[in-house]
Amino acid sequence: LPASQKFIVHVLDGTHMFVQPHVAEMIRSKIAEFRD
């Protein structure tokens, strides 16, 4: 994504990250597409 749309606030470790709340549904849909 362009710099103005980046959503990861902080990567805590290899399996945990803190993201902005407005992207939750977008992440879910992209993961669903990836799995499909």
PDB file of all heavy atoms in Angstrom:
ATOM      1  N   LEU A   1       0.827  -1.205   0.000  1.00  0.00           N
ATOM      2  CA  LEU A   1       0.000   0.000   0.000  1.00  0.00           C
ATOM      3  C   LEU A   1       0.864   1.259   0.000  1.00  0.00           C
ATOM      4  O   LEU A   1       2.007   1.230   0.477  1.00  0.00           O
ATOM      5  CB  LEU A   1      -0.903   0.010   1.240  1.00  0.00           C
ATOM      6  CG  LEU A   1      -1.953  -1.091   1.315  1.00  0.00           C
ATOM      7  CD1 LEU A   1      -2.657  -1.043   2.665  1.00  0.00           C
ATOM      8  CD2 LEU A   1      -2.959  -0.947   0.194  1.00  0.00           C
ATOM      9  N   PRO A   2       0.325   2.379  -0.492  1.00  0.00           N
ATOM     10  CA  PRO A   2       1.057   3.646  -0.390  1.00  0.00           C
ATOM     11  C   PRO A   2       1.230   4.048   1.075  1.00  0.00           C
ATOM     12  O   PRO A   2       0.483   3.591   1.943  1.00  0.00           O
ATOM     13  CB  PRO A   2       0.161   4.654  -1.119  1.00  0.00           C
ATOM     14  CG  PRO A   2      -1.015   3.917  -1.630  1.00  0.00           C
ATOM     15  CD  PRO A   2      -0.931   2.496  -1.187  1.00  0.00           C
ATOM     16  N   ALA A   3       2.189   4.891   1.338  1.00  0.00           N
ATOM     17  CA  ALA A   3       2.521   5.278   2.716  1.00  0.00           C
ATOM     18  C   ALA A   3       1.326   5.851   3.469  1.00  0.00           C
ATOM     19  O   ALA A   3       1.179   5.612   4.667  1.00  0.00           O
ATOM     20  CB  ALA A   3       3.661   6.285   2.714  1.00  0.00           C
ATOM     21  N   SER A   4       0.443   6.541   2.794  1.00  0.00           N
ATOM     22  CA  SER A   4      -0.705   7.151   3.475  1.00  0.00           C
ATOM     23  C   SER A   4      -1.757   6.128   3.888  1.00  0.00           C
ATOM     24  O   SER A   4      -2.623   6.435   4.706  1.00  0.00           O
ATOM     25  CB  SER A   4      -1.351   8.194   2.564  1.00  0.00           C
ATOM     26  OG  SER A   4      -1.866   7.574   1.391  1.00  0.00           O
ATOM     27  N   GLN A   5      -1.686   4.895   3.347  1.00  0.00           N
ATOM     28  CA  GLN A   5      -2.687   3.882   3.653  1.00  0.00           C
ATOM     29  C   GLN A   5      -2.142   2.722   4.483  1.00  0.00           C
ATOM     30  O   GLN A   5      -2.862   1.769   4.732  1.00  0.00           O
ATOM     31  CB  GLN A   5      -3.285   3.326   2.356  1.00  0.00           C
ATOM     32  CG  GLN A   5      -4.049   4.352   1.566  1.00  0.00           C
ATOM     33  CD  GLN A   5      -4.617   3.777   0.282  1.00  0.00           C
ATOM     34  OE1 GLN A   5      -4.360   2.636  -0.069  1.00  0.00           O
ATOM     35  NE2 GLN A   5      -5.382   4.578  -0.428  1.00  0.00           N
ATOM     36  N   LYS A   6      -0.890   2.789   4.895  1.00  0.00           N
ATOM     37  CA  LYS A   6      -0.316   1.709   5.696  1.00  0.00           C
ATOM     38  C   LYS A   6      -1.064   1.602   7.018  1.00  0.00           C
ATOM     39  O   LYS A   6      -1.422   2.605   7.623  1.00  0.00           O
ATOM     40  CB  LYS A   6       1.162   1.927   5.914  1.00  0.00           C
ATOM     41  CG  LYS A   6       1.939   1.845   4.599  1.00  0.00           C
ATOM     42  CD  LYS A   6       3.378   1.588   4.825  1.00  0.00           C
ATOM     43  CE  LYS A   6       4.157   1.616   3.541  1.00  0.00           C
ATOM     44  NZ  LYS A   6       3.980   0.466   2.723  1.00  0.00           N
ATOM     45  N   PHE A   7      -1.317   0.369   7.460  1.00  0.00           N
ATOM     46  CA  PHE A   7      -2.196   0.156   8.610  1.00  0.00           C
ATOM     47  C   PHE A   7      -1.522  -0.500   9.807  1.00  0.00           C
ATOM     48  O   PHE A   7      -2.086  -0.521  10.885  1.00  0.00           O
ATOM     49  CB  PHE A   7      -3.414  -0.672   8.200  1.00  0.00           C
ATOM     50  CG  PHE A   7      -3.074  -1.992   7.549  1.00  0.00           C
ATOM     51  CD1 PHE A   7      -2.788  -3.110   8.304  1.00  0.00           C
ATOM     52  CD2 PHE A   7      -3.039  -2.098   6.169  1.00  0.00           C
ATOM     53  CE1 PHE A   7      -2.480  -4.323   7.705  1.00  0.00           C
ATOM     54  CE2 PHE A   7      -2.743  -3.297   5.556  1.00  0.00           C
ATOM     55  CZ  PHE A   7      -2.456  -4.416   6.329  1.00  0.00           C
ATOM     56  N   ILE A   8      -0.326  -1.047   9.657  1.00  0.00           N
ATOM     57  CA  ILE A   8       0.353  -1.669  10.799  1.00  0.00           C
ATOM     58  C   ILE A   8       0.954  -0.567  11.668  1.00  0.00           C
ATOM     59  O   ILE A   8       1.761   0.228  11.206  1.00  0.00           O
ATOM     60  CB  ILE A   8       1.434  -2.667  10.351  1.00  0.00           C
ATOM     61  CG1 ILE A   8       0.788  -3.840   9.623  1.00  0.00           C
ATOM     62  CG2 ILE A   8       2.242  -3.158  11.556  1.00  0.00           C
ATOM     63  CD1 ILE A   8       1.780  -4.881   9.108  1.00  0.00           C
ATOM     64  N   VAL A   9       0.537  -0.549  12.932  1.00  0.00           N
ATOM     65  CA  VAL A   9       1.069   0.421  13.877  1.00  0.00           C
ATOM     66  C   VAL A   9       2.400  -0.082  14.420  1.00  0.00           C
ATOM     67  O   VAL A   9       3.382   0.652  14.462  1.00  0.00           O
ATOM     68  CB  VAL A   9       0.067   0.670  15.033  1.00  0.00           C
ATOM     69  CG1 VAL A   9       0.663   1.606  16.076  1.00  0.00           C
ATOM     70  CG2 VAL A   9      -1.243   1.225  14.489  1.00  0.00           C
ATOM     71  N   HIS A  10       2.434  -1.380  14.818  1.00  0.00           N
ATOM     72  CA  HIS A  10       3.659  -1.948  15.367  1.00  0.00           C
ATOM     73  C   HIS A  10       3.622  -3.467  15.254  1.00  0.00           C
ATOM     74  O   HIS A  10       2.609  -4.085  15.568  1.00  0.00           O
ATOM     75  CB  HIS A  10       3.813  -1.547  16.837  1.00  0.00           C
ATOM     76  CG  HIS A  10       5.143  -1.868  17.417  1.00  0.00           C
ATOM     77  ND1 HIS A  10       6.277  -1.176  17.077  1.00  0.00           N
ATOM     78  CD2 HIS A  10       5.529  -2.818  18.288  1.00  0.00           C
ATOM     79  CE1 HIS A  10       7.301  -1.694  17.742  1.00  0.00           C
ATOM     80  NE2 HIS A  10       6.863  -2.693  18.487  1.00  0.00           N
ATOM     81  N   VAL A  11       4.728  -4.054  14.778  1.00  0.00           N
ATOM     82  CA  VAL A  11       4.875  -5.510  14.773  1.00  0.00           C
ATOM     83  C   VAL A  11       5.518  -5.884  16.102  1.00  0.00           C
ATOM     84  O   VAL A  11       6.644  -5.468  16.393  1.00  0.00           O
ATOM     85  CB  VAL A  11       5.732  -5.986  13.582  1.00  0.00           C
ATOM     86  CG1 VAL A  11       5.950  -7.484  13.651  1.00  0.00           C
ATOM     87  CG2 VAL A  11       5.081  -5.600  12.262  1.00  0.00           C
ATOM     88  N   LEU A  12       4.793  -6.639  16.920  1.00  0.00           N
ATOM     89  CA  LEU A  12       5.276  -6.965  18.258  1.00  0.00           C
ATOM     90  C   LEU A  12       6.273  -8.109  18.242  1.00  0.00           C
ATOM     91  O   LEU A  12       7.295  -8.067  18.917  1.00  0.00           O
ATOM     92  CB  LEU A  12       4.089  -7.292  19.168  1.00  0.00           C
ATOM     93  CG  LEU A  12       3.041  -6.171  19.259  1.00  0.00           C
ATOM     94  CD1 LEU A  12       1.807  -6.653  19.983  1.00  0.00           C
ATOM     95  CD2 LEU A  12       3.635  -4.958  19.926  1.00  0.00           C
ATOM     96  N   ASP A  13       5.957  -9.159  17.494  1.00  0.00           N
ATOM     97  CA  ASP A  13       6.883 -10.273  17.268  1.00  0.00           C
ATOM     98  C   ASP A  13       6.425 -10.991  16.010  1.00  0.00           C
ATOM     99  O   ASP A  13       5.603 -10.465  15.262  1.00  0.00           O
ATOM    100  CB  ASP A  13       6.978 -11.205  18.487  1.00  0.00           C
ATOM    101  CG  ASP A  13       5.661 -11.864  18.868  1.00  0.00           C
ATOM    102  OD1 ASP A  13       4.802 -12.052  18.008  1.00  0.00           O
ATOM    103  OD2 ASP A  13       5.510 -12.213  20.055  1.00  0.00           O
ATOM    104  N   GLY A  14       6.924 -12.186  15.754  1.00  0.00           N
ATOM    105  CA  GLY A  14       6.604 -12.900  14.521  1.00  0.00           C
ATOM    106  C   GLY A  14       5.158 -13.322  14.371  1.00  0.00           C
ATOM    107  O   GLY A  14       4.717 -13.621  13.263  1.00  0.00           O
ATOM    108  N   THR A  15       4.402 -13.330  15.459  1.00  0.00           N
ATOM    109  CA  THR A  15       3.018 -13.791  15.383  1.00  0.00           C
ATOM    110  C   THR A  15       1.998 -12.793  15.934  1.00  0.00           C
ATOM    111  O   THR A  15       0.813 -13.099  15.980  1.00  0.00           O
ATOM    112  CB  THR A  15       2.848 -15.124  16.151  1.00  0.00           C
ATOM    113  OG1 THR A  15       3.219 -14.920  17.516  1.00  0.00           O
ATOM    114  CG2 THR A  15       3.691 -16.222  15.536  1.00  0.00           C
ATOM    115  N   HIS A  16       2.444 -11.609  16.332  1.00  0.00           N
ATOM    116  CA  HIS A  16       1.538 -10.600  16.891  1.00  0.00           C
ATOM    117  C   HIS A  16       1.838  -9.235  16.291  1.00  0.00           C
ATOM    118  O   HIS A  16       3.007  -8.868  16.145  1.00  0.00           O
ATOM    119  CB  HIS A  16       1.688 -10.509  18.412  1.00  0.00           C
ATOM    120  CG  HIS A  16       1.339 -11.773  19.118  1.00  0.00           C
ATOM    121  ND1 HIS A  16       2.280 -12.741  19.382  1.00  0.00           N
ATOM    122  CD2 HIS A  16       0.164 -12.222  19.597  1.00  0.00           C
ATOM    123  CE1 HIS A  16       1.687 -13.744  20.009  1.00  0.00           C
ATOM    124  NE2 HIS A  16       0.402 -13.456  20.139  1.00  0.00           N
ATOM    125  N   MET A  17       0.779  -8.506  15.963  1.00  0.00           N
ATOM    126  CA  MET A  17       0.944  -7.137  15.473  1.00  0.00           C
ATOM    127  C   MET A  17      -0.240  -6.290  15.896  1.00  0.00           C
ATOM    128  O   MET A  17      -1.325  -6.808  16.166  1.00  0.00           O
ATOM    129  CB  MET A  17       1.136  -7.112  13.962  1.00  0.00           C
ATOM    130  CG  MET A  17      -0.012  -7.631  13.162  1.00  0.00           C
ATOM    131  SD  MET A  17       0.352  -7.706  11.397  1.00  0.00           S
ATOM    132  CE  MET A  17       1.500  -9.064  11.359  1.00  0.00           C
ATOM    133  N   PHE A  18      -0.019  -5.003  15.957  1.00  0.00           N
ATOM    134  CA  PHE A  18      -1.026  -4.033  16.351  1.00  0.00           C
ATOM    135  C   PHE A  18      -1.352  -3.206  15.112  1.00  0.00           C
ATOM    136  O   PHE A  18      -0.452  -2.613  14.511  1.00  0.00           O
ATOM    137  CB  PHE A  18      -0.475  -3.158  17.478  1.00  0.00           C
ATOM    138  CG  PHE A  18      -1.493  -2.296  18.150  1.00  0.00           C
ATOM    139  CD1 PHE A  18      -2.508  -2.851  18.905  1.00  0.00           C
ATOM    140  CD2 PHE A  18      -1.425  -0.917  18.047  1.00  0.00           C
ATOM    141  CE1 PHE A  18      -3.448  -2.054  19.543  1.00  0.00           C
ATOM    142  CE2 PHE A  18      -2.350  -0.111  18.675  1.00  0.00           C
ATOM    143  CZ  PHE A  18      -3.364  -0.691  19.424  1.00  0.00           C
ATOM    144  N   VAL A  19      -2.628  -3.189  14.704  1.00  0.00           N
ATOM    145  CA  VAL A  19      -3.022  -2.495  13.479  1.00  0.00           C
ATOM    146  C   VAL A  19      -4.128  -1.483  13.767  1.00  0.00           C
ATOM    147  O   VAL A  19      -4.801  -1.547  14.794  1.00  0.00           O
ATOM    148  CB  VAL A  19      -3.501  -3.481  12.386  1.00  0.00           C
ATOM    149  CG1 VAL A  19      -2.407  -4.464  12.033  1.00  0.00           C
ATOM    150  CG2 VAL A  19      -4.762  -4.214  12.797  1.00  0.00           C
ATOM    151  N   GLN A  20      -4.339  -0.580  12.829  1.00  0.00           N
ATOM    152  CA  GLN A  20      -5.407   0.405  12.957  1.00  0.00           C
ATOM    153  C   GLN A  20      -6.760  -0.297  12.873  1.00  0.00           C
ATOM    154  O   GLN A  20      -6.913  -1.250  12.112  1.00  0.00           O
ATOM    155  CB  GLN A  20      -5.272   1.461  11.864  1.00  0.00           C
ATOM    156  CG  GLN A  20      -3.998   2.256  11.979  1.00  0.00           C
ATOM    157  CD  GLN A  20      -3.817   3.239  10.837  1.00  0.00           C
ATOM    158  OE1 GLN A  20      -4.623   3.309   9.920  1.00  0.00           O
ATOM    159  NE2 GLN A  20      -2.734   4.001  10.894  1.00  0.00           N
ATOM    160  N   PRO A  21      -7.743   0.167  13.635  1.00  0.00           N
ATOM    161  CA  PRO A  21      -9.021  -0.548  13.723  1.00  0.00           C
ATOM    162  C   PRO A  21      -9.866  -0.523  12.457  1.00  0.00           C
ATOM    163  O   PRO A  21     -10.657  -1.435  12.226  1.00  0.00           O
ATOM    164  CB  PRO A  21      -9.750   0.151  14.868  1.00  0.00           C
ATOM    165  CG  PRO A  21      -9.118   1.483  14.979  1.00  0.00           C
ATOM    166  CD  PRO A  21      -7.694   1.314  14.531  1.00  0.00           C
ATOM    167  N   HIS A  22      -9.699   0.460  11.597  1.00  0.00           N
ATOM    168  CA  HIS A  22     -10.561   0.579  10.421  1.00  0.00           C
ATOM    169  C   HIS A  22     -10.231  -0.428   9.310  1.00  0.00           C
ATOM    170  O   HIS A  22     -10.981  -0.540   8.348  1.00  0.00           O
ATOM    171  CB  HIS A  22     -10.507   2.007   9.857  1.00  0.00           C
ATOM    172  CG  HIS A  22      -9.179   2.377   9.279  1.00  0.00           C
ATOM    173  ND1 HIS A  22      -8.134   2.813  10.063  1.00  0.00           N
ATOM    174  CD2 HIS A  22      -8.729   2.352   8.012  1.00  0.00           C
ATOM    175  CE1 HIS A  22      -7.093   3.059   9.290  1.00  0.00           C
ATOM    176  NE2 HIS A  22      -7.421   2.786   8.040  1.00  0.00           N
ATOM    177  N   VAL A  23      -9.149  -1.179   9.433  1.00  0.00           N
ATOM    178  CA  VAL A  23      -8.760  -2.121   8.381  1.00  0.00           C
ATOM    179  C   VAL A  23      -9.113  -3.572   8.690  1.00  0.00           C
ATOM    180  O   VAL A  23      -8.793  -4.461   7.905  1.00  0.00           O
ATOM    181  CB  VAL A  23      -7.247  -2.021   8.069  1.00  0.00           C
ATOM    182  CG1 VAL A  23      -6.890  -0.656   7.534  1.00  0.00           C
ATOM    183  CG2 VAL A  23      -6.418  -2.364   9.276  1.00  0.00           C
ATOM    184  N   ALA A  24      -9.791  -3.816   9.779  1.00  0.00           N
ATOM    185  CA  ALA A  24     -10.083  -5.193  10.199  1.00  0.00           C
ATOM    186  C   ALA A  24     -10.832  -5.971   9.125  1.00  0.00           C
ATOM    187  O   ALA A  24     -10.458  -7.100   8.782  1.00  0.00           O
ATOM    188  CB  ALA A  24     -10.863  -5.202  11.501  1.00  0.00           C
ATOM    189  N   GLU A  25     -11.877  -5.377   8.570  1.00  0.00           N
ATOM    190  CA  GLU A  25     -12.673  -6.084   7.562  1.00  0.00           C
ATOM    191  C   GLU A  25     -11.887  -6.278   6.266  1.00  0.00           C
ATOM    192  O   GLU A  25     -12.010  -7.302   5.601  1.00  0.00           O
ATOM    193  CB  GLU A  25     -13.981  -5.333   7.299  1.00  0.00           C
ATOM    194  CG  GLU A  25     -14.991  -6.144   6.524  1.00  0.00           C
ATOM    195  CD  GLU A  25     -15.313  -7.487   7.164  1.00  0.00           C
ATOM    196  OE1 GLU A  25     -15.482  -7.549   8.393  1.00  0.00           O
ATOM    197  OE2 GLU A  25     -15.388  -8.496   6.431  1.00  0.00           O
ATOM    198  N   MET A  26     -11.065  -5.305   5.895  1.00  0.00           N
ATOM    199  CA  MET A  26     -10.242  -5.434   4.693  1.00  0.00           C
ATOM    200  C   MET A  26      -9.245  -6.584   4.858  1.00  0.00           C
ATOM    201  O   MET A  26      -9.046  -7.383   3.929  1.00  0.00           O
ATOM    202  CB  MET A  26      -9.504  -4.120   4.418  1.00  0.00           C
ATOM    203  CG  MET A  26      -8.714  -4.103   3.116  1.00  0.00           C
ATOM    204  SD  MET A  26      -6.991  -4.639   3.193  1.00  0.00           S
ATOM    205  CE  MET A  26      -6.256  -3.421   4.227  1.00  0.00           C
ATOM    206  N   ILE A  27      -8.638  -6.710   6.020  1.00  0.00           N
ATOM    207  CA  ILE A  27      -7.693  -7.800   6.267  1.00  0.00           C
ATOM    208  C   ILE A  27      -8.424  -9.138   6.199  1.00  0.00           C
ATOM    209  O   ILE A  27      -7.939 -10.081   5.574  1.00  0.00           O
ATOM    210  CB  ILE A  27      -6.982  -7.624   7.631  1.00  0.00           C
ATOM    211  CG1 ILE A  27      -6.062  -6.400   7.587  1.00  0.00           C
ATOM    212  CG2 ILE A  27      -6.196  -8.875   7.995  1.00  0.00           C
ATOM    213  CD1 ILE A  27      -5.469  -6.042   8.927  1.00  0.00           C
ATOM    214  N   ARG A  28      -9.599  -9.219   6.809  1.00  0.00           N
ATOM    215  CA  ARG A  28     -10.389 -10.465   6.752  1.00  0.00           C
ATOM    216  C   ARG A  28     -10.712 -10.851   5.318  1.00  0.00           C
ATOM    217  O   ARG A  28     -10.609 -12.018   4.942  1.00  0.00           O
ATOM    218  CB  ARG A  28     -11.671 -10.319   7.553  1.00  0.00           C
ATOM    219  CG  ARG A  28     -11.481 -10.395   9.035  1.00  0.00           C
ATOM    220  CD  ARG A  28     -12.827 -10.435   9.757  1.00  0.00           C
ATOM    221  NE  ARG A  28     -12.637 -10.294  11.174  1.00  0.00           N
ATOM    222  CZ  ARG A  28     -12.880  -9.184  11.859  1.00  0.00           C
ATOM    223  NH1 ARG A  28     -13.344  -8.110  11.257  1.00  0.00           N
ATOM    224  NH2 ARG A  28     -12.666  -9.133  13.156  1.00  0.00           N
ATOM    225  N   SER A  29     -11.124  -9.885   4.500  1.00  0.00           N
ATOM    226  CA  SER A  29     -11.495 -10.203   3.117  1.00  0.00           C
ATOM    227  C   SER A  29     -10.279 -10.614   2.295  1.00  0.00           C
ATOM    228  O   SER A  29     -10.365 -11.547   1.486  1.00  0.00           O
ATOM    229  CB  SER A  29     -12.215  -9.025   2.467  1.00  0.00           C
ATOM    230  OG  SER A  29     -11.360  -7.926   2.302  1.00  0.00           O
ATOM    231  N   LYS A  30      -9.136  -9.974   2.499  1.00  0.00           N
ATOM    232  CA  LYS A  30      -7.911 -10.350   1.770  1.00  0.00           C
ATOM    233  C   LYS A  30      -7.446 -11.746   2.177  1.00  0.00           C
ATOM    234  O   LYS A  30      -6.986 -12.522   1.333  1.00  0.00           O
ATOM    235  CB  LYS A  30      -6.794  -9.335   2.011  1.00  0.00           C
ATOM    236  CG  LYS A  30      -7.053  -7.980   1.422  1.00  0.00           C
ATOM    237  CD  LYS A  30      -7.001  -8.009  -0.083  1.00  0.00           C
ATOM    238  CE  LYS A  30      -7.105  -6.600  -0.636  1.00  0.00           C
ATOM    239  NZ  LYS A  30      -7.056  -6.572  -2.093  1.00  0.00           N
ATOM    240  N   ILE A  31      -7.568 -12.087   3.450  1.00  0.00           N
ATOM    241  CA  ILE A  31      -7.200 -13.429   3.907  1.00  0.00           C
ATOM    242  C   ILE A  31      -8.153 -14.453   3.307  1.00  0.00           C
ATOM    243  O   ILE A  31      -7.717 -15.523   2.869  1.00  0.00           O
ATOM    244  CB  ILE A  31      -7.187 -13.497   5.452  1.00  0.00           C
ATOM    245  CG1 ILE A  31      -6.002 -12.703   5.999  1.00  0.00           C
ATOM    246  CG2 ILE A  31      -7.135 -14.940   5.932  1.00  0.00           C
ATOM    247  CD1 ILE A  31      -5.994 -12.540   7.499  1.00  0.00           C
ATOM    248  N   ALA A  32      -9.444 -14.135   3.250  1.00  0.00           N
ATOM    249  CA  ALA A  32     -10.417 -15.054   2.650  1.00  0.00           C
ATOM    250  C   ALA A  32     -10.109 -15.277   1.169  1.00  0.00           C
ATOM    251  O   ALA A  32     -10.157 -16.415   0.679  1.00  0.00           O
ATOM    252  CB  ALA A  32     -11.827 -14.514   2.832  1.00  0.00           C
ATOM    253  N   GLU A  33      -9.770 -14.210   0.447  1.00  0.00           N
ATOM    254  CA  GLU A  33      -9.383 -14.343  -0.965  1.00  0.00           C
ATOM    255  C   GLU A  33      -8.144 -15.218  -1.108  1.00  0.00           C
ATOM    256  O   GLU A  33      -8.083 -16.081  -1.986  1.00  0.00           O
ATOM    257  CB  GLU A  33      -9.091 -12.973  -1.571  1.00  0.00           C
ATOM    258  CG  GLU A  33     -10.283 -12.112  -1.825  1.00  0.00           C
ATOM    259  CD  GLU A  33      -9.890 -10.733  -2.332  1.00  0.00           C
ATOM    260  OE1 GLU A  33      -8.776 -10.565  -2.878  1.00  0.00           O
ATOM    261  OE2 GLU A  33     -10.709  -9.812  -2.164  1.00  0.00           O
ATOM    262  N   PHE A  34      -7.161 -14.972  -0.255  1.00  0.00           N
ATOM    263  CA  PHE A  34      -5.918 -15.752  -0.289  1.00  0.00           C
ATOM    264  C   PHE A  34      -6.192 -17.234  -0.046  1.00  0.00           C
ATOM    265  O   PHE A  34      -5.686 -18.092  -0.752  1.00  0.00           O
ATOM    266  CB  PHE A  34      -4.951 -15.202   0.762  1.00  0.00           C
ATOM    267  CG  PHE A  34      -3.652 -15.942   0.861  1.00  0.00           C
ATOM    268  CD1 PHE A  34      -2.704 -15.842  -0.134  1.00  0.00           C
ATOM    269  CD2 PHE A  34      -3.370 -16.731   1.965  1.00  0.00           C
ATOM    270  CE1 PHE A  34      -1.497 -16.516  -0.039  1.00  0.00           C
ATOM    271  CE2 PHE A  34      -2.174 -17.408   2.075  1.00  0.00           C
ATOM    272  CZ  PHE A  34      -1.234 -17.295   1.062  1.00  0.00           C
ATOM    273  N   ARG A  35      -7.023 -17.534   0.931  1.00  0.00           N
ATOM    274  CA  ARG A  35      -7.364 -18.926   1.235  1.00  0.00           C
ATOM    275  C   ARG A  35      -8.150 -19.567   0.095  1.00  0.00           C
ATOM    276  O   ARG A  35      -7.949 -20.735  -0.221  1.00  0.00           O
ATOM    277  CB  ARG A  35      -8.137 -19.020   2.539  1.00  0.00           C
ATOM    278  CG  ARG A  35      -7.261 -18.786   3.735  1.00  0.00           C
ATOM    279  CD  ARG A  35      -8.021 -18.987   5.013  1.00  0.00           C
ATOM    280  NE  ARG A  35      -7.128 -18.846   6.159  1.00  0.00           N
ATOM    281  CZ  ARG A  35      -7.532 -18.628   7.376  1.00  0.00           C
ATOM    282  NH1 ARG A  35      -8.817 -18.507   7.649  1.00  0.00           N
ATOM    283  NH2 ARG A  35      -6.655 -18.512   8.353  1.00  0.00           N
ATOM    284  N   ASP A  36      -9.065 -18.811  -0.509  1.00  0.00           N
ATOM    285  CA  ASP A  36      -9.836 -19.346  -1.634  1.00  0.00           C
ATOM    286  C   ASP A  36      -8.930 -19.671  -2.822  1.00  0.00           C
ATOM    287  O   ASP A  36      -9.135 -20.673  -3.510  1.00  0.00           O
ATOM    288  CB  ASP A  36     -10.917 -18.361  -2.072  1.00  0.00           C
ATOM    289  CG  ASP A  36     -12.053 -18.255  -1.070  1.00  0.00           C
ATOM    290  OD1 ASP A  36     -12.176 -19.163  -0.203  1.00  0.00           O
ATOM    291  OD2 ASP A  36     -12.810 -17.269  -1.145  1.00  0.00           O
TER     292      ASP A  36
END
